[in-house]
Amino acid sequence: MITASISANKTINDLKGLVCIDCWEKKDLLSYYQLLEQRIDFKQFDSIIVANYELLLDSSTDLSQHNVLEVYSWSTYTPEMLLPIMKEARSRKTSNWLKTKFTTNSFLILTPQGMKYHVSTSVPHITDWLVIGGGWGMCTHNRPLSFDSLKTLPYNFYITDWSMYSDGKTFTKKDIQNDRLTWIDQGNSLYKLHS
């Protein structure tokens, strides 16, 4: 459901955090990644949270995995940041396109508790986050780090009518309108998750 905003004052350029849900390496997602390439400047983000589930553990090619190990295992052992990664490990791979965007600010984090801990200890200045990825409905609403859990965190989460993908069909504003969650229209195709 979409509701109108009383004071829409954010644009995508104001958002300093990025959450990527299930951005896997899949041929049928290539056009989606090309669209994101045209619309997002990854340099604007001070932090990238990668919530890719079912990943093959490989910190040698996935910097988001390496960064989690470096900060939350090798530097300061923090099991609550590492155990969800082990629990969710399978054989998928992070999108090669997305991996080219990773720097030292990219972390594989799979739970709302992990995100809250990471933000409070590493990037407490970020309160506004853009969410990209999918698949709309199943993964974005049912994973441990999903819209249902994000709305309980003390941050603001936004999507656009192009930032998500939907398995088997094109994602549109109608998907947002038909969602069981409430989204506040910020203008400029930006929608804020209502908590």
Protein backbone atom coordinates (compact mmCIF):
# COMPACT_ATOMS: atom_id res chain seq x y z
CA MET A 1 0.00 0.00 0.00
CA ILE A 2 1.23 3.50 -0.82
CA THR A 3 0.30 6.53 1.24
CA ALA A 4 1.07 10.15 0.49
CA SER A 5 3.78 11.91 2.45
CA ILE A 6 2.99 15.08 4.36
CA SER A 7 6.57 16.29 3.92
CA ALA A 8 8.50 14.44 1.25
CA ASN A 9 11.99 15.79 1.71
CA LYS A 10 14.37 13.01 0.67
CA THR A 11 15.82 12.16 -2.70
CA ILE A 12 17.95 9.18 -3.64
CA ASN A 13 21.04 11.41 -3.46
CA ASP A 14 20.39 11.97 0.28
CA LEU A 15 20.70 8.26 1.08
CA LYS A 16 24.13 7.22 2.39
CA GLY A 17 23.48 3.52 3.04
CA LEU A 18 22.65 0.69 0.66
CA VAL A 19 21.11 -2.70 1.50
CA CYS A 20 21.40 -5.37 -1.23
CA ILE A 21 19.05 -8.35 -0.83
CA ASP A 22 19.81 -11.51 -2.83
CA CYS A 23 21.79 -9.87 -5.63
CA TRP A 24 23.09 -13.15 -6.99
CA GLU A 25 25.00 -14.04 -10.13
CA LYS A 26 22.16 -15.09 -12.44
CA LYS A 27 21.84 -14.55 -16.19
CA ASP A 28 18.21 -13.49 -15.94
CA LEU A 29 19.23 -10.60 -13.63
CA LEU A 30 21.74 -9.02 -16.05
CA SER A 31 19.26 -6.45 -17.43
CA TYR A 32 18.25 -5.54 -13.86
CA TYR A 33 21.90 -4.92 -12.95
CA GLN A 34 22.36 -2.84 -16.12
CA LEU A 35 19.42 -0.69 -15.03
CA LEU A 36 20.96 -0.20 -11.57
CA GLU A 37 24.28 0.72 -13.19
CA GLN A 38 22.54 3.57 -15.00
CA ARG A 39 20.59 4.82 -12.00
CA ILE A 40 22.84 4.46 -8.95
CA ASP A 41 26.17 6.08 -8.15
CA PHE A 42 27.70 3.61 -5.71
CA LYS A 43 30.27 6.19 -4.65
CA GLN A 44 27.51 8.10 -2.83
CA PHE A 45 27.10 5.30 -0.27
CA ASP A 46 29.18 5.29 2.91
CA SER A 47 28.08 1.74 3.70
CA ILE A 48 26.85 -1.26 1.73
CA ILE A 49 25.10 -4.08 3.58
CA VAL A 50 24.96 -7.25 1.50
CA ALA A 51 22.11 -9.54 2.54
CA ASN A 52 22.78 -12.31 0.04
CA TYR A 53 21.54 -15.61 1.40
CA GLU A 54 22.59 -19.12 0.36
CA LEU A 55 26.11 -17.97 -0.58
CA LEU A 56 29.11 -20.15 -1.21
CA LEU A 57 31.67 -19.14 1.41
CA ASP A 58 34.50 -17.48 -0.51
CA SER A 59 36.22 -14.50 1.06
CA SER A 60 38.92 -14.55 -1.64
CA THR A 61 36.54 -13.28 -4.36
CA ASP A 62 33.74 -11.64 -2.35
CA LEU A 63 35.00 -8.56 -0.52
CA SER A 64 31.79 -8.30 1.54
CA GLN A 65 32.65 -11.69 3.07
CA HIS A 66 36.31 -10.76 3.53
CA ASN A 67 35.39 -7.50 5.31
CA VAL A 68 33.11 -9.31 7.77
CA LEU A 69 35.89 -11.75 8.61
CA GLU A 70 38.48 -9.00 8.91
CA VAL A 71 36.41 -6.83 11.25
CA TYR A 72 34.27 -9.37 13.13
CA SER A 73 36.57 -12.37 13.33
CA TRP A 74 40.21 -11.47 12.89
CA SER A 75 40.11 -8.06 14.61
CA THR A 76 37.40 -8.47 17.24
CA TYR A 77 35.79 -11.88 17.41
CA THR A 78 32.05 -11.30 17.26
CA PRO A 79 30.26 -14.64 16.79
CA GLU A 80 26.78 -13.09 16.42
CA MET A 81 28.03 -11.46 13.18
CA LEU A 82 29.54 -14.70 11.84
CA LEU A 83 27.09 -17.45 12.80
CA PRO A 84 24.24 -16.32 10.51
CA ILE A 85 26.62 -16.49 7.55
CA MET A 86 27.47 -20.10 8.40
CA LYS A 87 23.80 -20.98 8.94
CA GLU A 88 22.72 -19.55 5.58
CA ALA A 89 25.70 -20.82 3.50
CA ARG A 90 24.89 -22.77 0.35
CA SER A 91 26.25 -22.58 -3.22
CA ARG A 92 25.05 -19.28 -4.77
CA LYS A 93 27.46 -16.48 -5.68
CA THR A 94 27.20 -12.72 -5.31
CA SER A 95 26.61 -10.92 -8.59
CA ASN A 96 29.91 -10.26 -10.35
CA TRP A 97 28.59 -6.82 -11.27
CA LEU A 98 27.83 -6.00 -7.63
CA LYS A 99 31.23 -7.26 -6.48
CA THR A 100 32.88 -4.59 -8.67
CA LYS A 101 31.15 -1.98 -6.47
CA PHE A 102 32.53 -3.31 -3.17
CA THR A 103 35.18 -1.48 -1.15
CA THR A 104 36.13 -1.61 2.51
CA ASN A 105 32.60 -0.31 3.26
CA SER A 106 30.83 -3.51 2.08
CA PHE A 107 29.78 -6.18 4.61
CA LEU A 108 27.82 -9.42 4.35
CA ILE A 109 25.24 -9.08 7.14
CA LEU A 110 22.20 -11.34 7.32
CA THR A 111 20.21 -10.38 10.41
CA PRO A 112 18.57 -7.20 11.74
CA GLN A 113 20.57 -7.59 14.96
CA GLY A 114 23.77 -7.77 12.92
CA MET A 115 22.84 -4.70 10.93
CA LYS A 116 21.99 -2.71 14.05
CA TYR A 117 25.29 -3.71 15.67
CA HIS A 118 27.31 -2.90 12.55
CA VAL A 119 25.65 0.48 12.02
CA SER A 120 26.04 1.48 15.68
CA THR A 121 29.72 0.52 15.79
CA SER A 122 30.87 1.42 12.27
CA VAL A 123 28.56 3.93 10.57
CA PRO A 124 26.31 5.53 13.21
CA HIS A 125 25.82 8.62 11.04
CA ILE A 126 23.75 6.66 8.49
CA THR A 127 20.02 6.73 9.12
CA ASP A 128 18.70 6.55 5.55
CA TRP A 129 19.13 3.40 3.42
CA LEU A 130 18.20 2.50 -0.15
CA VAL A 131 17.21 -1.15 -0.63
CA ILE A 132 17.92 -2.95 -3.90
CA GLY A 133 17.49 -6.57 -4.95
CA GLY A 134 14.74 -9.09 -4.66
CA GLY A 135 12.95 -11.20 -5.31
CA TRP A 136 10.06 -8.97 -4.42
CA GLY A 137 7.64 -10.70 -2.11
CA MET A 138 9.39 -13.93 -1.18
CA CYS A 139 12.98 -12.90 -0.34
CA THR A 140 12.42 -9.24 0.44
CA HIS A 141 9.59 -9.98 2.86
CA ASN A 142 10.59 -13.34 4.40
CA ARG A 143 14.38 -13.45 4.79
CA PRO A 144 15.87 -12.72 8.24
CA LEU A 145 16.95 -9.27 6.96
CA SER A 146 13.76 -8.33 5.11
CA PHE A 147 11.30 -5.45 5.05
CA ASP A 148 9.42 -6.98 7.99
CA SER A 149 12.54 -6.90 10.14
CA LEU A 150 13.93 -3.67 8.70
CA LYS A 151 10.84 -1.75 9.81
CA THR A 152 11.71 -2.57 13.43
CA LEU A 153 15.16 -0.94 13.18
CA PRO A 154 15.73 2.72 14.09
CA TYR A 155 16.56 3.72 10.49
CA ASN A 156 14.66 4.78 7.38
CA PHE A 157 14.49 2.39 4.42
CA TYR A 158 13.56 3.37 0.90
CA ILE A 159 12.91 1.68 -2.43
CA THR A 160 12.18 3.02 -5.88
CA ASP A 161 9.91 1.66 -8.57
CA TRP A 162 13.09 0.36 -10.27
CA SER A 163 15.34 -0.69 -7.36
CA MET A 164 13.81 -4.13 -6.88
CA TYR A 165 13.49 -7.19 -9.07
CA SER A 166 10.58 -9.58 -9.16
CA ASP A 167 11.03 -13.19 -10.23
CA GLY A 168 9.48 -13.80 -13.61
CA LYS A 169 8.11 -10.32 -14.22
CA THR A 170 9.03 -6.66 -14.29
CA PHE A 171 8.81 -4.81 -10.97
CA THR A 172 6.54 -1.77 -11.07
CA LYS A 173 4.87 0.80 -8.85
CA LYS A 174 1.81 -1.49 -8.87
CA ASP A 175 3.82 -4.07 -6.86
CA ILE A 176 4.41 -1.41 -4.20
CA GLN A 177 0.72 -0.41 -4.25
CA ASN A 178 -0.34 -4.05 -3.81
CA ASP A 179 2.18 -4.77 -1.04
CA ARG A 180 0.86 -5.75 2.40
CA LEU A 181 3.35 -3.28 3.94
CA THR A 182 2.81 0.47 3.88
CA TRP A 183 5.10 2.66 1.78
CA ILE A 184 5.13 6.45 1.99
CA ASP A 185 5.48 8.21 -1.36
CA GLN A 186 8.41 10.63 -1.15
CA GLY A 187 8.08 11.84 -4.76
CA ASN A 188 10.69 11.22 -7.46
CA SER A 189 9.83 7.48 -7.48
CA LEU A 190 11.14 7.11 -3.90
CA TYR A 191 9.09 5.20 -1.30
CA LYS A 192 9.83 5.00 2.42
CA LEU A 193 8.97 1.89 4.44
CA HIS A 194 6.49 2.80 7.15
CA SER A 195 7.51 1.43 10.53
